[in-house]
Amino acid sequence: MSANRKKYLETTAKKLWVKLALMVWGDKCEICGEPADTFHHYIPKGCSRLLKFDIQNAIPICRRCHYIIHFSPKPSEVSRLVEIIRKKRGKKWRDYIDEKEKEKLEGTYGVYYLEGVVADLRRQLKDYEINRKTF
């Protein structure tokens, strides 16, 4: 049962993360301004479990730009797109991402941890909806 619960929580967390990312960052590619098809993890999911569901790590991106970042044979082209993201997000965001990337997840990445992630994403969604209505 624990494996099924973990998979359910992973799926739920991903859906909540995407919903929140859409609310926070919008539906336009952060690089080119075209409609975004997905949210790219600035720091790859496998490199930082702490940033996997962190809304600051979500980058709205179109299919073309996402393909370039992941599959371009030209490192300079990838660097150019990444630099656009870094400039748009600013120093405060870069500092946050850099610090979080260095942090290590204490304990295991199991059901208990994912329950906390889901609860936190739900809280962020609620807070964002409330704050958005007050402006």
N, C-alpha and C. Protein backbone atom coordinates (compact mmCIF):
# COMPACT_ATOMS: atom_id res chain seq x y z
N MET A 1 0.81 -1.19 0.00
CA MET A 1 0.00 0.00 0.00
C MET A 1 0.86 1.26 0.00
N SER A 2 1.98 1.22 0.66
CA SER A 2 2.83 2.39 0.76
C SER A 2 3.31 2.86 -0.62
N ALA A 3 3.62 1.93 -1.51
CA ALA A 3 4.07 2.30 -2.87
C ALA A 3 2.93 2.97 -3.64
N ASN A 4 1.72 2.46 -3.50
CA ASN A 4 0.57 3.08 -4.16
C ASN A 4 0.29 4.46 -3.59
N ARG A 5 0.39 4.59 -2.28
CA ARG A 5 0.17 5.89 -1.63
C ARG A 5 1.23 6.89 -2.09
N LYS A 6 2.46 6.45 -2.18
CA LYS A 6 3.55 7.33 -2.61
C LYS A 6 3.30 7.79 -4.06
N LYS A 7 2.91 6.88 -4.92
CA LYS A 7 2.64 7.24 -6.31
C LYS A 7 1.48 8.23 -6.40
N TYR A 8 0.42 7.99 -5.63
CA TYR A 8 -0.72 8.89 -5.58
C TYR A 8 -0.29 10.29 -5.13
N LEU A 9 0.53 10.35 -4.08
CA LEU A 9 0.98 11.64 -3.57
C LEU A 9 1.89 12.36 -4.57
N GLU A 10 2.75 11.62 -5.25
CA GLU A 10 3.60 12.21 -6.30
C GLU A 10 2.73 12.84 -7.39
N THR A 11 1.73 12.10 -7.85
CA THR A 11 0.84 12.58 -8.91
C THR A 11 0.06 13.81 -8.43
N THR A 12 -0.44 13.75 -7.22
CA THR A 12 -1.18 14.88 -6.65
C THR A 12 -0.29 16.10 -6.53
N ALA A 13 0.92 15.91 -6.03
CA ALA A 13 1.86 17.02 -5.88
C ALA A 13 2.17 17.65 -7.23
N LYS A 14 2.39 16.83 -8.24
CA LYS A 14 2.70 17.37 -9.58
C LYS A 14 1.53 18.21 -10.10
N LYS A 15 0.30 17.72 -9.96
CA LYS A 15 -0.87 18.46 -10.42
C LYS A 15 -1.02 19.79 -9.68
N LEU A 16 -0.83 19.76 -8.37
CA LEU A 16 -0.91 20.99 -7.58
C LEU A 16 0.19 21.97 -7.96
N TRP A 17 1.40 21.45 -8.18
CA TRP A 17 2.55 22.28 -8.57
C TRP A 17 2.27 22.97 -9.90
N VAL A 18 1.73 22.24 -10.86
CA VAL A 18 1.41 22.82 -12.17
C VAL A 18 0.31 23.87 -12.04
N LYS A 19 -0.71 23.58 -11.26
CA LYS A 19 -1.81 24.54 -11.07
C LYS A 19 -1.29 25.83 -10.43
N LEU A 20 -0.47 25.69 -9.41
CA LEU A 20 0.10 26.85 -8.74
C LEU A 20 1.05 27.60 -9.68
N ALA A 21 1.85 26.87 -10.41
CA ALA A 21 2.79 27.51 -11.35
C ALA A 21 2.04 28.32 -12.40
N LEU A 22 0.93 27.81 -12.87
CA LEU A 22 0.12 28.52 -13.84
C LEU A 22 -0.42 29.82 -13.25
N MET A 23 -0.85 29.76 -12.00
CA MET A 23 -1.36 30.95 -11.33
C MET A 23 -0.25 31.98 -11.09
N VAL A 24 0.90 31.51 -10.66
CA VAL A 24 2.00 32.41 -10.30
C VAL A 24 2.73 32.95 -11.53
N TRP A 25 3.06 32.08 -12.48
CA TRP A 25 3.92 32.46 -13.59
C TRP A 25 3.19 32.70 -14.90
N GLY A 26 1.95 32.26 -15.01
CA GLY A 26 1.19 32.48 -16.23
C GLY A 26 1.40 31.39 -17.26
N ASP A 27 0.82 31.62 -18.44
CA ASP A 27 0.82 30.58 -19.49
C ASP A 27 1.59 30.98 -20.74
N LYS A 28 2.51 31.92 -20.60
CA LYS A 28 3.37 32.33 -21.73
C LYS A 28 4.79 31.86 -21.47
N CYS A 29 5.44 31.43 -22.53
CA CYS A 29 6.83 30.98 -22.43
C CYS A 29 7.69 32.12 -21.88
N GLU A 30 8.42 31.82 -20.85
CA GLU A 30 9.26 32.84 -20.22
C GLU A 30 10.41 33.29 -21.13
N ILE A 31 10.70 32.50 -22.14
CA ILE A 31 11.81 32.83 -23.03
C ILE A 31 11.34 33.63 -24.23
N CYS A 32 10.33 33.12 -24.94
CA CYS A 32 9.94 33.74 -26.21
C CYS A 32 8.56 34.39 -26.20
N GLY A 33 7.75 34.15 -25.18
CA GLY A 33 6.43 34.76 -25.08
C GLY A 33 5.31 34.00 -25.78
N GLU A 34 5.64 32.92 -26.45
CA GLU A 34 4.61 32.08 -27.09
C GLU A 34 3.83 31.34 -26.00
N PRO A 35 2.68 30.75 -26.34
CA PRO A 35 1.95 29.97 -25.33
C PRO A 35 2.81 28.84 -24.78
N ALA A 36 2.80 28.70 -23.46
CA ALA A 36 3.59 27.66 -22.81
C ALA A 36 2.85 26.33 -22.86
N ASP A 37 3.58 25.26 -23.11
CA ASP A 37 3.02 23.91 -23.14
C ASP A 37 3.24 23.16 -21.84
N THR A 38 4.25 23.59 -21.07
CA THR A 38 4.63 22.85 -19.87
C THR A 38 5.37 23.79 -18.92
N PHE A 39 5.74 23.24 -17.78
CA PHE A 39 6.59 23.96 -16.84
C PHE A 39 7.89 23.18 -16.71
N HIS A 40 8.96 23.85 -17.05
CA HIS A 40 10.31 23.29 -17.00
C HIS A 40 10.85 23.45 -15.58
N HIS A 41 11.55 22.45 -15.10
CA HIS A 41 12.25 22.57 -13.82
C HIS A 41 13.61 23.21 -14.10
N TYR A 42 13.81 24.42 -13.61
CA TYR A 42 15.09 25.10 -13.83
C TYR A 42 16.22 24.22 -13.30
N ILE A 43 16.09 23.77 -12.06
CA ILE A 43 17.01 22.77 -11.52
C ILE A 43 16.33 21.42 -11.73
N PRO A 44 16.93 20.52 -12.49
CA PRO A 44 16.27 19.25 -12.81
C PRO A 44 15.78 18.51 -11.57
N LYS A 45 14.65 17.82 -11.73
CA LYS A 45 14.01 17.09 -10.62
C LYS A 45 14.98 16.14 -9.94
N GLY A 46 15.82 15.49 -10.72
CA GLY A 46 16.75 14.51 -10.15
C GLY A 46 17.93 15.13 -9.42
N CYS A 47 18.13 16.41 -9.58
CA CYS A 47 19.28 17.07 -8.95
C CYS A 47 18.96 17.64 -7.57
N SER A 48 17.68 17.91 -7.31
CA SER A 48 17.30 18.48 -6.02
C SER A 48 15.87 18.08 -5.68
N ARG A 49 15.75 17.18 -4.73
CA ARG A 49 14.40 16.78 -4.32
C ARG A 49 13.68 17.94 -3.63
N LEU A 50 14.42 18.85 -3.01
CA LEU A 50 13.79 20.00 -2.37
C LEU A 50 13.18 20.97 -3.38
N LEU A 51 13.76 21.04 -4.56
CA LEU A 51 13.25 21.96 -5.58
C LEU A 51 12.25 21.31 -6.54
N LYS A 52 12.06 20.02 -6.43
CA LYS A 52 11.18 19.31 -7.36
C LYS A 52 9.78 19.91 -7.39
N PHE A 53 9.23 20.27 -6.23
CA PHE A 53 7.89 20.84 -6.17
C PHE A 53 7.91 22.28 -5.65
N ASP A 54 9.05 22.94 -5.74
CA ASP A 54 9.17 24.34 -5.33
C ASP A 54 8.70 25.21 -6.49
N ILE A 55 7.76 26.09 -6.22
CA ILE A 55 7.16 26.93 -7.27
C ILE A 55 8.20 27.86 -7.91
N GLN A 56 9.24 28.19 -7.18
CA GLN A 56 10.28 29.05 -7.75
C GLN A 56 11.09 28.33 -8.82
N ASN A 57 11.01 27.02 -8.85
CA ASN A 57 11.75 26.21 -9.81
C ASN A 57 10.93 25.94 -11.08
N ALA A 58 9.73 26.48 -11.14
CA ALA A 58 8.83 26.25 -12.29
C ALA A 58 9.01 27.36 -13.32
N ILE A 59 9.30 26.98 -14.55
CA ILE A 59 9.48 27.94 -15.64
C ILE A 59 8.47 27.61 -16.73
N PRO A 60 7.49 28.52 -16.99
CA PRO A 60 6.59 28.26 -18.12
C PRO A 60 7.38 28.32 -19.41
N ILE A 61 7.17 27.33 -20.26
CA ILE A 61 8.01 27.23 -21.45
C ILE A 61 7.24 26.57 -22.60
N CYS A 62 7.51 27.02 -23.80
CA CYS A 62 6.87 26.43 -24.98
C CYS A 62 7.65 25.18 -25.41
N ARG A 63 7.05 24.41 -26.26
CA ARG A 63 7.66 23.15 -26.72
C ARG A 63 9.00 23.41 -27.41
N ARG A 64 9.07 24.44 -28.25
CA ARG A 64 10.29 24.71 -29.00
C ARG A 64 11.46 25.06 -28.07
N CYS A 65 11.22 25.99 -27.13
CA CYS A 65 12.28 26.38 -26.21
C CYS A 65 12.67 25.23 -25.28
N HIS A 66 11.69 24.45 -24.86
CA HIS A 66 11.97 23.31 -23.99
C HIS A 66 12.83 22.28 -24.72
N TYR A 67 12.52 22.05 -25.97
CA TYR A 67 13.32 21.12 -26.78
C TYR A 67 14.76 21.61 -26.90
N ILE A 68 14.93 22.89 -27.16
CA ILE A 68 16.29 23.45 -27.29
C ILE A 68 17.07 23.24 -26.00
N ILE A 69 16.46 23.55 -24.86
CA ILE A 69 17.15 23.42 -23.57
C ILE A 69 17.59 21.98 -23.33
N HIS A 70 16.74 21.02 -23.67
CA HIS A 70 17.06 19.63 -23.37
C HIS A 70 17.87 18.91 -24.45
N PHE A 71 17.72 19.33 -25.72
CA PHE A 71 18.30 18.52 -26.80
C PHE A 71 19.19 19.26 -27.79
N SER A 72 19.38 20.55 -27.64
CA SER A 72 20.21 21.27 -28.60
C SER A 72 21.66 20.79 -28.54
N PRO A 73 22.26 20.57 -29.70
CA PRO A 73 23.67 20.18 -29.72
C PRO A 73 24.60 21.39 -29.55
N LYS A 74 24.00 22.58 -29.45
CA LYS A 74 24.79 23.80 -29.33
C LYS A 74 24.72 24.34 -27.91
N PRO A 75 25.76 24.14 -27.11
CA PRO A 75 25.75 24.64 -25.73
C PRO A 75 25.50 26.15 -25.65
N SER A 76 25.98 26.91 -26.63
CA SER A 76 25.79 28.36 -26.59
C SER A 76 24.32 28.73 -26.73
N GLU A 77 23.57 27.93 -27.49
CA GLU A 77 22.14 28.18 -27.65
C GLU A 77 21.40 27.91 -26.34
N VAL A 78 21.76 26.83 -25.68
CA VAL A 78 21.16 26.50 -24.39
C VAL A 78 21.50 27.59 -23.37
N SER A 79 22.74 27.99 -23.33
CA SER A 79 23.18 29.04 -22.40
C SER A 79 22.43 30.34 -22.62
N ARG A 80 22.19 30.67 -23.88
CA ARG A 80 21.46 31.91 -24.20
C ARG A 80 20.04 31.86 -23.63
N LEU A 81 19.35 30.73 -23.78
CA LEU A 81 18.00 30.61 -23.27
C LEU A 81 17.97 30.62 -21.74
N VAL A 82 18.91 29.94 -21.13
CA VAL A 82 18.98 29.91 -19.68
C VAL A 82 19.27 31.31 -19.14
N GLU A 83 20.10 32.05 -19.83
CA GLU A 83 20.43 33.41 -19.40
C GLU A 83 19.21 34.33 -19.49
N ILE A 84 18.36 34.12 -20.48
CA ILE A 84 17.11 34.90 -20.58
C ILE A 84 16.26 34.66 -19.33
N ILE A 85 16.14 33.41 -18.92
CA ILE A 85 15.37 33.08 -17.72
C ILE A 85 15.99 33.76 -16.51
N ARG A 86 17.29 33.62 -16.36
CA ARG A 86 17.99 34.19 -15.20
C ARG A 86 17.83 35.71 -15.13
N LYS A 87 17.90 36.37 -16.27
CA LYS A 87 17.74 37.84 -16.28
C LYS A 87 16.32 38.24 -15.93
N LYS A 88 15.35 37.54 -16.48
CA LYS A 88 13.95 37.87 -16.21
C LYS A 88 13.59 37.64 -14.74
N ARG A 89 14.12 36.58 -14.16
CA ARG A 89 13.78 36.26 -12.77
C ARG A 89 14.55 37.13 -11.77
N GLY A 90 15.73 37.57 -12.13
CA GLY A 90 16.48 38.48 -11.28
C GLY A 90 17.38 37.83 -10.24
N LYS A 91 18.18 38.67 -9.60
CA LYS A 91 19.20 38.21 -8.65
C LYS A 91 18.59 37.55 -7.41
N LYS A 92 17.54 38.12 -6.88
CA LYS A 92 16.92 37.55 -5.68
C LYS A 92 16.47 36.10 -5.94
N TRP A 93 15.87 35.87 -7.11
CA TRP A 93 15.43 34.52 -7.48
C TRP A 93 16.65 33.61 -7.65
N ARG A 94 17.67 34.10 -8.35
CA ARG A 94 18.88 33.28 -8.57
C ARG A 94 19.53 32.88 -7.24
N ASP A 95 19.60 33.83 -6.32
CA ASP A 95 20.18 33.54 -5.00
C ASP A 95 19.36 32.47 -4.27
N TYR A 96 18.04 32.58 -4.34
CA TYR A 96 17.16 31.61 -3.70
C TYR A 96 17.40 30.22 -4.29
N ILE A 97 17.39 30.12 -5.62
CA ILE A 97 17.58 28.84 -6.30
C ILE A 97 18.95 28.25 -5.96
N ASP A 98 19.98 29.09 -5.98
CA ASP A 98 21.34 28.61 -5.67
C ASP A 98 21.42 28.05 -4.25
N GLU A 99 20.81 28.73 -3.29
CA GLU A 99 20.83 28.27 -1.90
C GLU A 99 20.05 26.97 -1.74
N LYS A 100 18.87 26.90 -2.34
CA LYS A 100 18.04 25.70 -2.23
C LYS A 100 18.72 24.49 -2.89
N GLU A 101 19.42 24.75 -3.98
CA GLU A 101 20.10 23.67 -4.70
C GLU A 101 21.18 23.02 -3.82
N LYS A 102 21.78 23.81 -2.95
CA LYS A 102 22.84 23.31 -2.07
C LYS A 102 22.30 22.50 -0.89
N GLU A 103 21.05 22.80 -0.49
CA GLU A 103 20.46 22.13 0.67
C GLU A 103 20.20 20.66 0.36
N LYS A 104 20.31 19.86 1.38
CA LYS A 104 20.05 18.42 1.25
C LYS A 104 18.77 18.10 2.00
N LEU A 105 18.00 17.19 1.44
CA LEU A 105 16.77 16.73 2.07
C LEU A 105 17.11 15.81 3.23
N GLU A 106 16.64 16.18 4.41
CA GLU A 106 16.86 15.34 5.59
C GLU A 106 15.84 14.21 5.59
N GLY A 107 16.25 13.04 5.93
CA GLY A 107 15.33 11.91 6.00
C GLY A 107 15.09 11.29 4.63
N THR A 108 14.01 10.55 4.53
CA THR A 108 13.71 9.84 3.30
C THR A 108 12.67 10.58 2.48
N TYR A 109 12.66 10.26 1.22
CA TYR A 109 11.70 10.82 0.28
C TYR A 109 10.54 9.83 0.18
N GLY A 110 9.76 9.76 1.22
CA GLY A 110 8.69 8.78 1.27
C GLY A 110 7.33 9.42 1.43
N VAL A 111 6.40 8.61 1.88
CA VAL A 111 5.01 9.02 2.02
C VAL A 111 4.88 10.23 2.95
N TYR A 112 5.53 10.16 4.09
CA TYR A 112 5.41 11.25 5.07
C TYR A 112 5.89 12.57 4.48
N TYR A 113 7.01 12.55 3.80
CA TYR A 113 7.54 13.76 3.16
C TYR A 113 6.56 14.28 2.10
N LEU A 114 6.06 13.39 1.26
CA LEU A 114 5.15 13.80 0.18
C LEU A 114 3.82 14.31 0.72
N GLU A 115 3.36 13.77 1.83
CA GLU A 115 2.14 14.31 2.45
C GLU A 115 2.37 15.77 2.84
N GLY A 116 3.54 16.06 3.35
CA GLY A 116 3.87 17.45 3.69
C GLY A 116 3.95 18.34 2.47
N VAL A 117 4.51 17.83 1.38
CA VAL A 117 4.60 18.59 0.13
C VAL A 117 3.21 18.92 -0.39
N VAL A 118 2.32 17.92 -0.41
CA VAL A 118 0.96 18.13 -0.90
C VAL A 118 0.24 19.16 -0.02
N ALA A 119 0.37 19.04 1.29
CA ALA A 119 -0.26 19.99 2.20
C ALA A 119 0.28 21.40 1.97
N ASP A 120 1.59 21.52 1.78
CA ASP A 120 2.19 22.83 1.55
C ASP A 120 1.73 23.43 0.23
N LEU A 121 1.66 22.64 -0.83
CA LEU A 121 1.19 23.15 -2.12
C LEU A 121 -0.27 23.59 -2.02
N ARG A 122 -1.09 22.83 -1.31
CA ARG A 122 -2.50 23.24 -1.12
C ARG A 122 -2.58 24.56 -0.37
N ARG A 123 -1.75 24.72 0.66
CA ARG A 123 -1.73 25.97 1.42
C ARG A 123 -1.29 27.13 0.53
N GLN A 124 -0.25 26.91 -0.28
CA GLN A 124 0.22 27.97 -1.18
C GLN A 124 -0.87 28.37 -2.18
N LEU A 125 -1.58 27.38 -2.71
CA LEU A 125 -2.67 27.67 -3.64
C LEU A 125 -3.74 28.52 -2.98
N LYS A 126 -4.12 28.13 -1.79
CA LYS A 126 -5.15 28.86 -1.04
C LYS A 126 -4.68 30.29 -0.75
N ASP A 127 -3.44 30.41 -0.26
CA ASP A 127 -2.88 31.74 0.03
C ASP A 127 -2.82 32.60 -1.22
N TYR A 128 -2.40 32.02 -2.32
CA TYR A 128 -2.30 32.78 -3.56
C TYR A 128 -3.66 33.25 -4.04
N GLU A 129 -4.65 32.38 -3.96
CA GLU A 129 -6.00 32.74 -4.37
C GLU A 129 -6.56 33.86 -3.50
N ILE A 130 -6.33 33.78 -2.19
CA ILE A 130 -6.81 34.82 -1.26
C ILE A 130 -6.12 36.14 -1.55
N ASN A 131 -4.80 36.13 -1.66
CA ASN A 131 -4.03 37.36 -1.90
C ASN A 131 -4.34 37.98 -3.26
N ARG A 132 -4.58 37.14 -4.25
CA ARG A 132 -4.89 37.65 -5.59
C ARG A 132 -6.23 38.38 -5.58
N LYS A 133 -7.18 37.91 -4.80
CA LYS A 133 -8.50 38.54 -4.74
C LYS A 133 -8.46 39.86 -4.02
N THR A 134 -7.46 40.09 -3.18
CA THR A 134 -7.41 41.34 -2.42
C THR A 134 -6.75 42.48 -3.17
N PHE A 135 -6.17 42.23 -4.30
CA PHE A 135 -5.49 43.29 -5.06
C PHE A 135 -6.38 43.86 -6.13
